[in-house]
Amino acid sequence: MVKDYGGLEKADWKAISKVAGLTERECLGTFRRMFVPTRRMTYWTRDEEDRLVQSLRKQRQYWDGTYSWVKAAIDIGKFTNRQCHDKFYNSVKIRKAVEQPRSNTLPSTMEE
């Protein structure tokens, strides 16, 4: 559908949204989440989880109550900001590791 409405570079999200029955933002977000080639659709490695923890801990030093998922995604690479957000909120061990900064890595014995 994107090709029919201007291609990747100049997609007419307003026209696409009318056909899809969604808002422009929802269409663009869905496209980015599903079809952007840099998005990684696989399991997280231990190293990537550790880098997420380190990125969020670094942000907590200047914390105003929210995290920048864009910064976390840049720090990790190959995951979108939404994937970083979802990993944090769906993983108890990640949240605990960020909130209890004893080491820079995840506990090896803690289970989700």
PDB file of N, CA and C in Angstrom:
ATOM      1  N   MET A   1       0.826  -1.187   0.000  1.00  0.00           N
ATOM      2  CA  MET A   1       0.000   0.000   0.000  1.00  0.00           C
ATOM      3  C   MET A   1       0.873   1.254   0.000  1.00  0.00           C
ATOM      4  N   VAL A   2       1.980   1.229   0.715  1.00  0.00           N
ATOM      5  CA  VAL A   2       2.856   2.396   0.788  1.00  0.00           C
ATOM      6  C   VAL A   2       3.386   2.751  -0.597  1.00  0.00           C
ATOM      7  N   LYS A   3       3.729   1.729  -1.393  1.00  0.00           N
ATOM      8  CA  LYS A   3       4.208   1.975  -2.758  1.00  0.00           C
ATOM      9  C   LYS A   3       3.151   2.701  -3.586  1.00  0.00           C
ATOM     10  N   ASP A   4       1.886   2.340  -3.390  1.00  0.00           N
ATOM     11  CA  ASP A   4       0.799   2.960  -4.147  1.00  0.00           C
ATOM     12  C   ASP A   4       0.587   4.425  -3.776  1.00  0.00           C
ATOM     13  N   TYR A   5       1.075   4.840  -2.610  1.00  0.00           N
ATOM     14  CA  TYR A   5       0.858   6.202  -2.122  1.00  0.00           C
ATOM     15  C   TYR A   5       2.152   6.975  -1.938  1.00  0.00           C
ATOM     16  N   GLY A   6       3.059   6.845  -2.868  1.00  0.00           N
ATOM     17  CA  GLY A   6       4.261   7.671  -2.852  1.00  0.00           C
ATOM     18  C   GLY A   6       5.549   6.960  -2.509  1.00  0.00           C
ATOM     19  N   GLY A   7       5.489   5.711  -2.141  1.00  0.00           N
ATOM     20  CA  GLY A   7       6.698   4.975  -1.815  1.00  0.00           C
ATOM     21  C   GLY A   7       7.234   5.315  -0.432  1.00  0.00           C
ATOM     22  N   LEU A   8       8.365   4.725  -0.106  1.00  0.00           N
ATOM     23  CA  LEU A   8       8.940   4.878   1.231  1.00  0.00           C
ATOM     24  C   LEU A   8       9.335   6.310   1.547  1.00  0.00           C
ATOM     25  N   GLU A   9       9.867   7.007   0.567  1.00  0.00           N
ATOM     26  CA  GLU A   9      10.414   8.340   0.799  1.00  0.00           C
ATOM     27  C   GLU A   9       9.330   9.406   0.993  1.00  0.00           C
ATOM     28  N   LYS A  10       8.272   9.322   0.190  1.00  0.00           N
ATOM     29  CA  LYS A  10       7.261  10.382   0.199  1.00  0.00           C
ATOM     30  C   LYS A  10       5.857   9.816   0.374  1.00  0.00           C
ATOM     31  N   ALA A  11       5.696   8.909   1.273  1.00  0.00           N
ATOM     32  CA  ALA A  11       4.388   8.282   1.475  1.00  0.00           C
ATOM     33  C   ALA A  11       3.364   9.322   1.930  1.00  0.00           C
ATOM     34  N   ASP A  12       2.178   9.242   1.360  1.00  0.00           N
ATOM     35  CA  ASP A  12       1.075  10.134   1.734  1.00  0.00           C
ATOM     36  C   ASP A  12       0.289   9.470   2.863  1.00  0.00           C
ATOM     37  N   TRP A  13       0.726   9.708   4.093  1.00  0.00           N
ATOM     38  CA  TRP A  13       0.134   9.037   5.246  1.00  0.00           C
ATOM     39  C   TRP A  13      -1.313   9.446   5.461  1.00  0.00           C
ATOM     40  N   LYS A  14      -1.678  10.628   5.016  1.00  0.00           N
ATOM     41  CA  LYS A  14      -3.063  11.079   5.151  1.00  0.00           C
ATOM     42  C   LYS A  14      -3.971  10.210   4.273  1.00  0.00           C
ATOM     43  N   ALA A  15      -3.555   9.978   3.030  1.00  0.00           N
ATOM     44  CA  ALA A  15      -4.346   9.133   2.124  1.00  0.00           C
ATOM     45  C   ALA A  15      -4.364   7.685   2.611  1.00  0.00           C
ATOM     46  N   ILE A  16      -3.219   7.206   3.068  1.00  0.00           N
ATOM     47  CA  ILE A  16      -3.134   5.835   3.573  1.00  0.00           C
ATOM     48  C   ILE A  16      -4.039   5.660   4.782  1.00  0.00           C
ATOM     49  N   SER A  17      -4.073   6.666   5.655  1.00  0.00           N
ATOM     50  CA  SER A  17      -4.888   6.565   6.862  1.00  0.00           C
ATOM     51  C   SER A  17      -6.374   6.480   6.539  1.00  0.00           C
ATOM     52  N   LYS A  18      -6.814   7.166   5.484  1.00  0.00           N
ATOM     53  CA  LYS A  18      -8.230   7.102   5.096  1.00  0.00           C
ATOM     54  C   LYS A  18      -8.591   5.700   4.611  1.00  0.00           C
ATOM     55  N   VAL A  19      -7.692   5.084   3.850  1.00  0.00           N
ATOM     56  CA  VAL A  19      -7.943   3.738   3.348  1.00  0.00           C
ATOM     57  C   VAL A  19      -7.889   2.721   4.491  1.00  0.00           C
ATOM     58  N   ALA A  20      -6.923   2.881   5.375  1.00  0.00           N
ATOM     59  CA  ALA A  20      -6.719   1.917   6.463  1.00  0.00           C
ATOM     60  C   ALA A  20      -7.693   2.104   7.619  1.00  0.00           C
ATOM     61  N   GLY A  21      -8.306   3.284   7.712  1.00  0.00           N
ATOM     62  CA  GLY A  21      -9.221   3.541   8.824  1.00  0.00           C
ATOM     63  C   GLY A  21      -8.502   3.830  10.129  1.00  0.00           C
ATOM     64  N   LEU A  22      -7.283   4.341  10.029  1.00  0.00           N
ATOM     65  CA  LEU A  22      -6.474   4.694  11.196  1.00  0.00           C
ATOM     66  C   LEU A  22      -6.032   6.144  11.070  1.00  0.00           C
ATOM     67  N   THR A  23      -5.430   6.668  12.114  1.00  0.00           N
ATOM     68  CA  THR A  23      -4.867   8.013  12.026  1.00  0.00           C
ATOM     69  C   THR A  23      -3.546   7.953  11.265  1.00  0.00           C
ATOM     70  N   GLU A  24      -3.087   9.106  10.804  1.00  0.00           N
ATOM     71  CA  GLU A  24      -1.799   9.162  10.111  1.00  0.00           C
ATOM     72  C   GLU A  24      -0.683   8.629  11.006  1.00  0.00           C
ATOM     73  N   ARG A  25      -0.712   9.046  12.252  1.00  0.00           N
ATOM     74  CA  ARG A  25       0.317   8.637  13.202  1.00  0.00           C
ATOM     75  C   ARG A  25       0.317   7.119  13.421  1.00  0.00           C
ATOM     76  N   GLU A  26      -0.882   6.527  13.516  1.00  0.00           N
ATOM     77  CA  GLU A  26      -0.969   5.077  13.699  1.00  0.00           C
ATOM     78  C   GLU A  26      -0.411   4.336  12.488  1.00  0.00           C
ATOM     79  N   CYS A  27      -0.716   4.830  11.291  1.00  0.00           N
ATOM     80  CA  CYS A  27      -0.197   4.195  10.070  1.00  0.00           C
ATOM     81  C   CYS A  27       1.323   4.281  10.004  1.00  0.00           C
ATOM     82  N   LEU A  28       1.855   5.458  10.262  1.00  0.00           N
ATOM     83  CA  LEU A  28       3.304   5.635  10.225  1.00  0.00           C
ATOM     84  C   LEU A  28       3.978   4.778  11.293  1.00  0.00           C
ATOM     85  N   GLY A  29       3.403   4.757  12.486  1.00  0.00           N
ATOM     86  CA  GLY A  29       3.969   3.963  13.577  1.00  0.00           C
ATOM     87  C   GLY A  29       3.960   2.482  13.263  1.00  0.00           C
ATOM     88  N   THR A  30       2.858   1.996  12.710  1.00  0.00           N
ATOM     89  CA  THR A  30       2.772   0.587  12.333  1.00  0.00           C
ATOM     90  C   THR A  30       3.805   0.263  11.271  1.00  0.00           C
ATOM     91  N   PHE A  31       3.922   1.131  10.273  1.00  0.00           N
ATOM     92  CA  PHE A  31       4.903   0.910   9.222  1.00  0.00           C
ATOM     93  C   PHE A  31       6.310   0.841   9.797  1.00  0.00           C
ATOM     94  N   ARG A  32       6.646   1.799  10.643  1.00  0.00           N
ATOM     95  CA  ARG A  32       7.995   1.816  11.223  1.00  0.00           C
ATOM     96  C   ARG A  32       8.259   0.600  12.080  1.00  0.00           C
ATOM     97  N   ARG A  33       7.260   0.172  12.855  1.00  0.00           N
ATOM     98  CA  ARG A  33       7.458  -0.992  13.727  1.00  0.00           C
ATOM     99  C   ARG A  33       7.602  -2.281  12.943  1.00  0.00           C
ATOM    100  N   MET A  34       6.900  -2.391  11.828  1.00  0.00           N
ATOM    101  CA  MET A  34       6.846  -3.670  11.124  1.00  0.00           C
ATOM    102  C   MET A  34       7.788  -3.789   9.931  1.00  0.00           C
ATOM    103  N   PHE A  35       8.105  -2.678   9.268  1.00  0.00           N
ATOM    104  CA  PHE A  35       8.792  -2.805   7.991  1.00  0.00           C
ATOM    105  C   PHE A  35      10.124  -2.087   7.875  1.00  0.00           C
ATOM    106  N   VAL A  36      10.552  -1.401   8.915  1.00  0.00           N
ATOM    107  CA  VAL A  36      11.841  -0.730   8.850  1.00  0.00           C
ATOM    108  C   VAL A  36      12.938  -1.783   8.990  1.00  0.00           C
ATOM    109  N   PRO A  37      13.898  -1.809   8.063  1.00  0.00           N
ATOM    110  CA  PRO A  37      14.885  -2.900   8.054  1.00  0.00           C
ATOM    111  C   PRO A  37      15.827  -2.930   9.250  1.00  0.00           C
ATOM    112  N   THR A  38      16.009  -1.812   9.955  1.00  0.00           N
ATOM    113  CA  THR A  38      16.912  -1.829  11.104  1.00  0.00           C
ATOM    114  C   THR A  38      16.262  -2.458  12.332  1.00  0.00           C
ATOM    115  N   ARG A  39      14.962  -2.665  12.295  1.00  0.00           N
ATOM    116  CA  ARG A  39      14.270  -3.274  13.431  1.00  0.00           C
ATOM    117  C   ARG A  39      14.681  -4.730  13.557  1.00  0.00           C
ATOM    118  N   ARG A  40      15.014  -5.108  14.737  1.00  0.00           N
ATOM    119  CA  ARG A  40      15.455  -6.472  14.987  1.00  0.00           C
ATOM    120  C   ARG A  40      14.298  -7.257  15.583  1.00  0.00           C
ATOM    121  N   MET A  41      13.936  -8.346  14.950  1.00  0.00           N
ATOM    122  CA  MET A  41      12.812  -9.152  15.427  1.00  0.00           C
ATOM    123  C   MET A  41      13.346 -10.495  15.924  1.00  0.00           C
ATOM    124  N   THR A  42      13.921 -10.466  17.101  1.00  0.00           N
ATOM    125  CA  THR A  42      14.492 -11.677  17.676  1.00  0.00           C
ATOM    126  C   THR A  42      14.539 -11.526  19.192  1.00  0.00           C
ATOM    127  N   TYR A  43      15.047 -12.536  19.846  1.00  0.00           N
ATOM    128  CA  TYR A  43      15.196 -12.478  21.300  1.00  0.00           C
ATOM    129  C   TYR A  43      16.349 -11.559  21.671  1.00  0.00           C
ATOM    130  N   TRP A  44      16.268 -11.011  22.860  1.00  0.00           N
ATOM    131  CA  TRP A  44      17.342 -10.166  23.374  1.00  0.00           C
ATOM    132  C   TRP A  44      18.461 -11.062  23.903  1.00  0.00           C
ATOM    133  N   THR A  45      19.697 -10.672  23.651  1.00  0.00           N
ATOM    134  CA  THR A  45      20.830 -11.382  24.241  1.00  0.00           C
ATOM    135  C   THR A  45      21.081 -10.827  25.632  1.00  0.00           C
ATOM    136  N   ARG A  46      21.845 -11.527  26.400  1.00  0.00           N
ATOM    137  CA  ARG A  46      22.204 -11.071  27.754  1.00  0.00           C
ATOM    138  C   ARG A  46      22.945  -9.738  27.676  1.00  0.00           C
ATOM    139  N   ASP A  47      23.847  -9.595  26.713  1.00  0.00           N
ATOM    140  CA  ASP A  47      24.603  -8.361  26.540  1.00  0.00           C
ATOM    141  C   ASP A  47      23.677  -7.185  26.219  1.00  0.00           C
ATOM    142  N   GLU A  48      22.680  -7.402  25.379  1.00  0.00           N
ATOM    143  CA  GLU A  48      21.736  -6.325  25.041  1.00  0.00           C
ATOM    144  C   GLU A  48      20.889  -5.937  26.245  1.00  0.00           C
ATOM    145  N   GLU A  49      20.481  -6.912  27.032  1.00  0.00           N
ATOM    146  CA  GLU A  49      19.744  -6.604  28.260  1.00  0.00           C
ATOM    147  C   GLU A  49      20.615  -5.787  29.214  1.00  0.00           C
ATOM    148  N   ASP A  50      21.888  -6.182  29.350  1.00  0.00           N
ATOM    149  CA  ASP A  50      22.818  -5.434  30.209  1.00  0.00           C
ATOM    150  C   ASP A  50      22.984  -4.001  29.723  1.00  0.00           C
ATOM    151  N   ARG A  51      23.077  -3.824  28.401  1.00  0.00           N
ATOM    152  CA  ARG A  51      23.230  -2.473  27.857  1.00  0.00           C
ATOM    153  C   ARG A  51      21.973  -1.638  28.087  1.00  0.00           C
ATOM    154  N   LEU A  52      20.788  -2.270  28.041  1.00  0.00           N
ATOM    155  CA  LEU A  52      19.553  -1.556  28.358  1.00  0.00           C
ATOM    156  C   LEU A  52      19.569  -1.097  29.810  1.00  0.00           C
ATOM    157  N   VAL A  53      19.965  -1.991  30.714  1.00  0.00           N
ATOM    158  CA  VAL A  53      20.053  -1.645  32.138  1.00  0.00           C
ATOM    159  C   VAL A  53      21.028  -0.482  32.340  1.00  0.00           C
ATOM    160  N   GLN A  54      22.197  -0.559  31.725  1.00  0.00           N
ATOM    161  CA  GLN A  54      23.196   0.503  31.868  1.00  0.00           C
ATOM    162  C   GLN A  54      22.693   1.825  31.313  1.00  0.00           C
ATOM    163  N   SER A  55      22.017   1.790  30.185  1.00  0.00           N
ATOM    164  CA  SER A  55      21.483   3.010  29.579  1.00  0.00           C
ATOM    165  C   SER A  55      20.447   3.662  30.491  1.00  0.00           C
ATOM    166  N   LEU A  56      19.555   2.853  31.050  1.00  0.00           N
ATOM    167  CA  LEU A  56      18.505   3.402  31.913  1.00  0.00           C
ATOM    168  C   LEU A  56      19.084   3.882  33.243  1.00  0.00           C
ATOM    169  N   ARG A  57      20.086   3.191  33.755  1.00  0.00           N
ATOM    170  CA  ARG A  57      20.741   3.660  34.987  1.00  0.00           C
ATOM    171  C   ARG A  57      21.426   5.005  34.754  1.00  0.00           C
ATOM    172  N   LYS A  58      22.061   5.139  33.610  1.00  0.00           N
ATOM    173  CA  LYS A  58      22.713   6.406  33.266  1.00  0.00           C
ATOM    174  C   LYS A  58      21.677   7.528  33.221  1.00  0.00           C
ATOM    175  N   GLN A  59      20.509   7.229  32.680  1.00  0.00           N
ATOM    176  CA  GLN A  59      19.446   8.235  32.618  1.00  0.00           C
ATOM    177  C   GLN A  59      18.909   8.576  34.004  1.00  0.00           C
ATOM    178  N   ARG A  60      18.925   7.603  34.918  1.00  0.00           N
ATOM    179  CA  ARG A  60      18.408   7.851  36.279  1.00  0.00           C
ATOM    180  C   ARG A  60      19.230   8.898  37.025  1.00  0.00           C
ATOM    181  N   GLN A  61      20.485   9.096  36.628  1.00  0.00           N
ATOM    182  CA  GLN A  61      21.310  10.115  37.279  1.00  0.00           C
ATOM    183  C   GLN A  61      20.678  11.497  37.123  1.00  0.00           C
ATOM    184  N   TYR A  62      20.000  11.703  36.026  1.00  0.00           N
ATOM    185  CA  TYR A  62      19.355  12.989  35.733  1.00  0.00           C
ATOM    186  C   TYR A  62      17.848  12.812  35.620  1.00  0.00           C
ATOM    187  N   TRP A  63      17.322  11.873  36.372  1.00  0.00           N
ATOM    188  CA  TRP A  63      15.959  11.397  36.189  1.00  0.00           C
ATOM    189  C   TRP A  63      14.924  12.408  36.600  1.00  0.00           C
ATOM    190  N   ASP A  64      13.932  12.600  35.733  1.00  0.00           N
ATOM    191  CA  ASP A  64      12.795  13.462  36.037  1.00  0.00           C
ATOM    192  C   ASP A  64      11.509  12.654  36.132  1.00  0.00           C
ATOM    193  N   GLY A  65      11.620  11.341  36.221  1.00  0.00           N
ATOM    194  CA  GLY A  65      10.449  10.483  36.324  1.00  0.00           C
ATOM    195  C   GLY A  65      10.112   9.726  35.054  1.00  0.00           C
ATOM    196  N   THR A  66      10.798  10.024  33.977  1.00  0.00           N
ATOM    197  CA  THR A  66      10.558   9.315  32.717  1.00  0.00           C
ATOM    198  C   THR A  66      11.889   8.883  32.117  1.00  0.00           C
ATOM    199  N   TYR A  67      11.820   7.910  31.238  1.00  0.00           N
ATOM    200  CA  TYR A  67      13.012   7.465  30.520  1.00  0.00           C
ATOM    201  C   TYR A  67      12.900   7.897  29.063  1.00  0.00           C
ATOM    202  N   SER A  68      14.031   8.127  28.442  1.00  0.00           N
ATOM    203  CA  SER A  68      14.056   8.385  27.007  1.00  0.00           C
ATOM    204  C   SER A  68      14.322   7.063  26.312  1.00  0.00           C
ATOM    205  N   TRP A  69      13.274   6.501  25.734  1.00  0.00           N
ATOM    206  CA  TRP A  69      13.419   5.218  25.061  1.00  0.00           C
ATOM    207  C   TRP A  69      14.207   5.373  23.776  1.00  0.00           C
ATOM    208  N   VAL A  70      14.181   6.563  23.189  1.00  0.00           N
ATOM    209  CA  VAL A  70      14.991   6.826  21.997  1.00  0.00           C
ATOM    210  C   VAL A  70      16.470   6.737  22.356  1.00  0.00           C
ATOM    211  N   LYS A  71      16.865   7.352  23.478  1.00  0.00           N
ATOM    212  CA  LYS A  71      18.268   7.270  23.919  1.00  0.00           C
ATOM    213  C   LYS A  71      18.661   5.832  24.210  1.00  0.00           C
ATOM    214  N   ALA A  72      17.773   5.093  24.847  1.00  0.00           N
ATOM    215  CA  ALA A  72      18.069   3.687  25.152  1.00  0.00           C
ATOM    216  C   ALA A  72      18.260   2.891  23.864  1.00  0.00           C
ATOM    217  N   ALA A  73      17.400   3.121  22.873  1.00  0.00           N
ATOM    218  CA  ALA A  73      17.517   2.402  21.597  1.00  0.00           C
ATOM    219  C   ALA A  73      18.828   2.740  20.888  1.00  0.00           C
ATOM    220  N   ILE A  74      19.235   3.998  20.968  1.00  0.00           N
ATOM    221  CA  ILE A  74      20.506   4.405  20.356  1.00  0.00           C
ATOM    222  C   ILE A  74      21.671   3.736  21.078  1.00  0.00           C
ATOM    223  N   ASP A  75      21.610   3.696  22.408  1.00  0.00           N
ATOM    224  CA  ASP A  75      22.682   3.065  23.183  1.00  0.00           C
ATOM    225  C   ASP A  75      22.822   1.575  22.866  1.00  0.00           C
ATOM    226  N   ILE A  76      21.705   0.903  22.626  1.00  0.00           N
ATOM    227  CA  ILE A  76      21.728  -0.532  22.392  1.00  0.00           C
ATOM    228  C   ILE A  76      21.971  -0.850  20.922  1.00  0.00           C
ATOM    229  N   GLY A  77      21.277  -0.136  20.049  1.00  0.00           N
ATOM    230  CA  GLY A  77      21.371  -0.411  18.613  1.00  0.00           C
ATOM    231  C   GLY A  77      20.521  -1.613  18.235  1.00  0.00           C
ATOM    232  N   LYS A  78      19.973  -1.581  17.038  1.00  0.00           N
ATOM    233  CA  LYS A  78      19.195  -2.675  16.454  1.00  0.00           C
ATOM    234  C   LYS A  78      17.841  -2.938  17.098  1.00  0.00           C
ATOM    235  N   PHE A  79      17.448  -2.187  18.095  1.00  0.00           N
ATOM    236  CA  PHE A  79      16.100  -2.299  18.641  1.00  0.00           C
ATOM    237  C   PHE A  79      15.454  -0.920  18.570  1.00  0.00           C
ATOM    238  N   THR A  80      14.145  -0.885  18.384  1.00  0.00           N
ATOM    239  CA  THR A  80      13.442   0.395  18.326  1.00  0.00           C
ATOM    240  C   THR A  80      13.190   0.895  19.742  1.00  0.00           C
ATOM    241  N   ASN A  81      12.815   2.169  19.836  1.00  0.00           N
ATOM    242  CA  ASN A  81      12.487   2.723  21.148  1.00  0.00           C
ATOM    243  C   ASN A  81      11.303   1.974  21.767  1.00  0.00           C
ATOM    244  N   ARG A  82      10.349   1.552  20.952  1.00  0.00           N
ATOM    245  CA  ARG A  82       9.196   0.813  21.466  1.00  0.00           C
ATOM    246  C   ARG A  82       9.617  -0.559  22.001  1.00  0.00           C
ATOM    247  N   GLN A  83      10.550  -1.202  21.321  1.00  0.00           N
ATOM    248  CA  GLN A  83      11.036  -2.501  21.795  1.00  0.00           C
ATOM    249  C   GLN A  83      11.745  -2.353  23.140  1.00  0.00           C
ATOM    250  N   CYS A  84      12.516  -1.270  23.303  1.00  0.00           N
ATOM    251  CA  CYS A  84      13.198  -1.028  24.582  1.00  0.00           C
ATOM    252  C   CYS A  84      12.171  -0.783  25.682  1.00  0.00           C
ATOM    253  N   HIS A  85      11.159   0.020  25.381  1.00  0.00           N
ATOM    254  CA  HIS A  85      10.084   0.300  26.330  1.00  0.00           C
ATOM    255  C   HIS A  85       9.393  -0.998  26.739  1.00  0.00           C
ATOM    256  N   ASP A  86       9.011  -1.796  25.753  1.00  0.00           N
ATOM    257  CA  ASP A  86       8.304  -3.042  26.048  1.00  0.00           C
ATOM    258  C   ASP A  86       9.167  -4.022  26.837  1.00  0.00           C
ATOM    259  N   LYS A  87      10.437  -4.105  26.495  1.00  0.00           N
ATOM    260  CA  LYS A  87      11.340  -5.007  27.221  1.00  0.00           C
ATOM    261  C   LYS A  87      11.408  -4.612  28.697  1.00  0.00           C
ATOM    262  N   PHE A  88      11.510  -3.309  28.958  1.00  0.00           N
ATOM    263  CA  PHE A  88      11.580  -2.828  30.338  1.00  0.00           C
ATOM    264  C   PHE A  88      10.300  -3.161  31.101  1.00  0.00           C
ATOM    265  N   TYR A  89       9.148  -2.821  30.528  1.00  0.00           N
ATOM    266  CA  TYR A  89       7.893  -3.005  31.252  1.00  0.00           C
ATOM    267  C   TYR A  89       7.412  -4.449  31.296  1.00  0.00           C
ATOM    268  N   ASN A  90       7.916  -5.312  30.406  1.00  0.00           N
ATOM    269  CA  ASN A  90       7.509  -6.713  30.417  1.00  0.00           C
ATOM    270  C   ASN A  90       8.508  -7.616  31.124  1.00  0.00           C
ATOM    271  N   SER A  91       9.583  -7.050  31.626  1.00  0.00           N
ATOM    272  CA  SER A  91      10.616  -7.866  32.264  1.00  0.00           C
ATOM    273  C   SER A  91      10.852  -7.408  33.697  1.00  0.00           C
ATOM    274  N   VAL A  92      10.466  -8.232  34.629  1.00  0.00           N
ATOM    275  CA  VAL A  92      10.653  -7.911  36.048  1.00  0.00           C
ATOM    276  C   VAL A  92      12.135  -7.800  36.375  1.00  0.00           C
ATOM    277  N   LYS A  93      12.956  -8.703  35.827  1.00  0.00           N
ATOM    278  CA  LYS A  93      14.380  -8.678  36.167  1.00  0.00           C
ATOM    279  C   LYS A  93      15.053  -7.406  35.659  1.00  0.00           C
ATOM    280  N   ILE A  94      14.631  -6.878  34.514  1.00  0.00           N
ATOM    281  CA  ILE A  94      15.210  -5.631  34.003  1.00  0.00           C
ATOM    282  C   ILE A  94      14.830  -4.476  34.919  1.00  0.00           C
ATOM    283  N   ARG A  95      13.541  -4.394  35.286  1.00  0.00           N
ATOM    284  CA  ARG A  95      13.089  -3.300  36.163  1.00  0.00           C
ATOM    285  C   ARG A  95      13.822  -3.337  37.505  1.00  0.00           C
ATOM    286  N   LYS A  96      13.958  -4.535  38.086  1.00  0.00           N
ATOM    287  CA  LYS A  96      14.650  -4.653  39.371  1.00  0.00           C
ATOM    288  C   LYS A  96      16.112  -4.257  39.244  1.00  0.00           C
ATOM    289  N   ALA A  97      16.743  -4.661  38.152  1.00  0.00           N
ATOM    290  CA  ALA A  97      18.162  -4.337  37.949  1.00  0.00           C
ATOM    291  C   ALA A  97      18.366  -2.837  37.810  1.00  0.00           C
ATOM    292  N   VAL A  98      17.441  -2.146  37.170  1.00  0.00           N
ATOM    293  CA  VAL A  98      17.563  -0.699  37.004  1.00  0.00           C
ATOM    294  C   VAL A  98      17.318   0.003  38.334  1.00  0.00           C
ATOM    295  N   GLU A  99      16.349  -0.474  39.089  1.00  0.00           N
ATOM    296  CA  GLU A  99      15.977   0.173  40.349  1.00  0.00           C
ATOM    297  C   GLU A  99      16.958  -0.112  41.482  1.00  0.00           C
ATOM    298  N   GLN A 100      17.690  -1.225  41.415  1.00  0.00           N
ATOM    299  CA  GLN A 100      18.645  -1.591  42.452  1.00  0.00           C
ATOM    300  C   GLN A 100      20.043  -1.648  41.853  1.00  0.00           C
ATOM    301  N   PRO A 101      20.677  -0.506  41.662  1.00  0.00           N
ATOM    302  CA  PRO A 101      21.961  -0.465  40.953  1.00  0.00           C
ATOM    303  C   PRO A 101      23.144  -0.958  41.792  1.00  0.00           C
ATOM    304  N   ARG A 102      23.282  -2.268  41.910  1.00  0.00           N
ATOM    305  CA  ARG A 102      24.423  -2.829  42.637  1.00  0.00           C
ATOM    306  C   ARG A 102      25.576  -3.161  41.708  1.00  0.00           C
ATOM    307  N   SER A 103      25.258  -3.585  40.500  1.00  0.00           N
ATOM    308  CA  SER A 103      26.298  -3.887  39.518  1.00  0.00           C
ATOM    309  C   SER A 103      25.810  -3.404  38.157  1.00  0.00           C
ATOM    310  N   ASN A 104      26.656  -3.496  37.176  1.00  0.00           N
ATOM    311  CA  ASN A 104      26.287  -3.011  35.848  1.00  0.00           C
ATOM    312  C   ASN A 104      25.655  -4.073  34.969  1.00  0.00           C
ATOM    313  N   THR A 105      25.431  -5.270  35.531  1.00  0.00           N
ATOM    314  CA  THR A 105      24.836  -6.332  34.733  1.00  0.00           C
ATOM    315  C   THR A 105      23.658  -6.931  35.478  1.00  0.00           C
ATOM    316  N   LEU A 106      22.882  -7.746  34.779  1.00  0.00           N
ATOM    317  CA  LEU A 106      21.734  -8.410  35.386  1.00  0.00           C
ATOM    318  C   LEU A 106      22.195  -9.539  36.295  1.00  0.00           C
ATOM    319  N   PRO A 107      21.469  -9.807  37.350  1.00  0.00           N
ATOM    320  CA  PRO A 107      21.792 -10.963  38.179  1.00  0.00           C
ATOM    321  C   PRO A 107      21.612 -12.236  37.373  1.00  0.00           C
ATOM    322  N   SER A 108      22.538 -13.172  37.483  1.00  0.00           N
ATOM    323  CA  SER A 108      22.474 -14.368  36.652  1.00  0.00           C
ATOM    324  C   SER A 108      21.464 -15.379  37.182  1.00  0.00           C
ATOM    325  N   THR A 109      21.081 -15.294  38.444  1.00  0.00           N
ATOM    326  CA  THR A 109      20.182 -16.292  39.009  1.00  0.00           C
ATOM    327  C   THR A 109      18.736 -15.813  39.058  1.00  0.00           C
ATOM    328  N   MET A 110      18.479 -14.556  38.818  1.00  0.00           N
ATOM    329  CA  MET A 110      17.117 -14.035  38.917  1.00  0.00           C
ATOM    330  C   MET A 110      16.306 -14.469  37.705  1.00  0.00           C
ATOM    331  N   GLU A 111      15.096 -14.937  37.942  1.00  0.00           N
ATOM    332  CA  GLU A 111      14.239 -15.346  36.845  1.00  0.00           C
ATOM    333  C   GLU A 111      13.139 -14.325  36.651  1.00  0.00           C
ATOM    334  N   GLU A 112      12.621 -14.276  35.405  1.00  0.00           N
ATOM    335  CA  GLU A 112      11.535 -13.321  35.118  1.00  0.00           C
ATOM    336  C   GLU A 112      10.244 -13.778  35.705  1.00  0.00           C
TER     337      GLU A 112
END
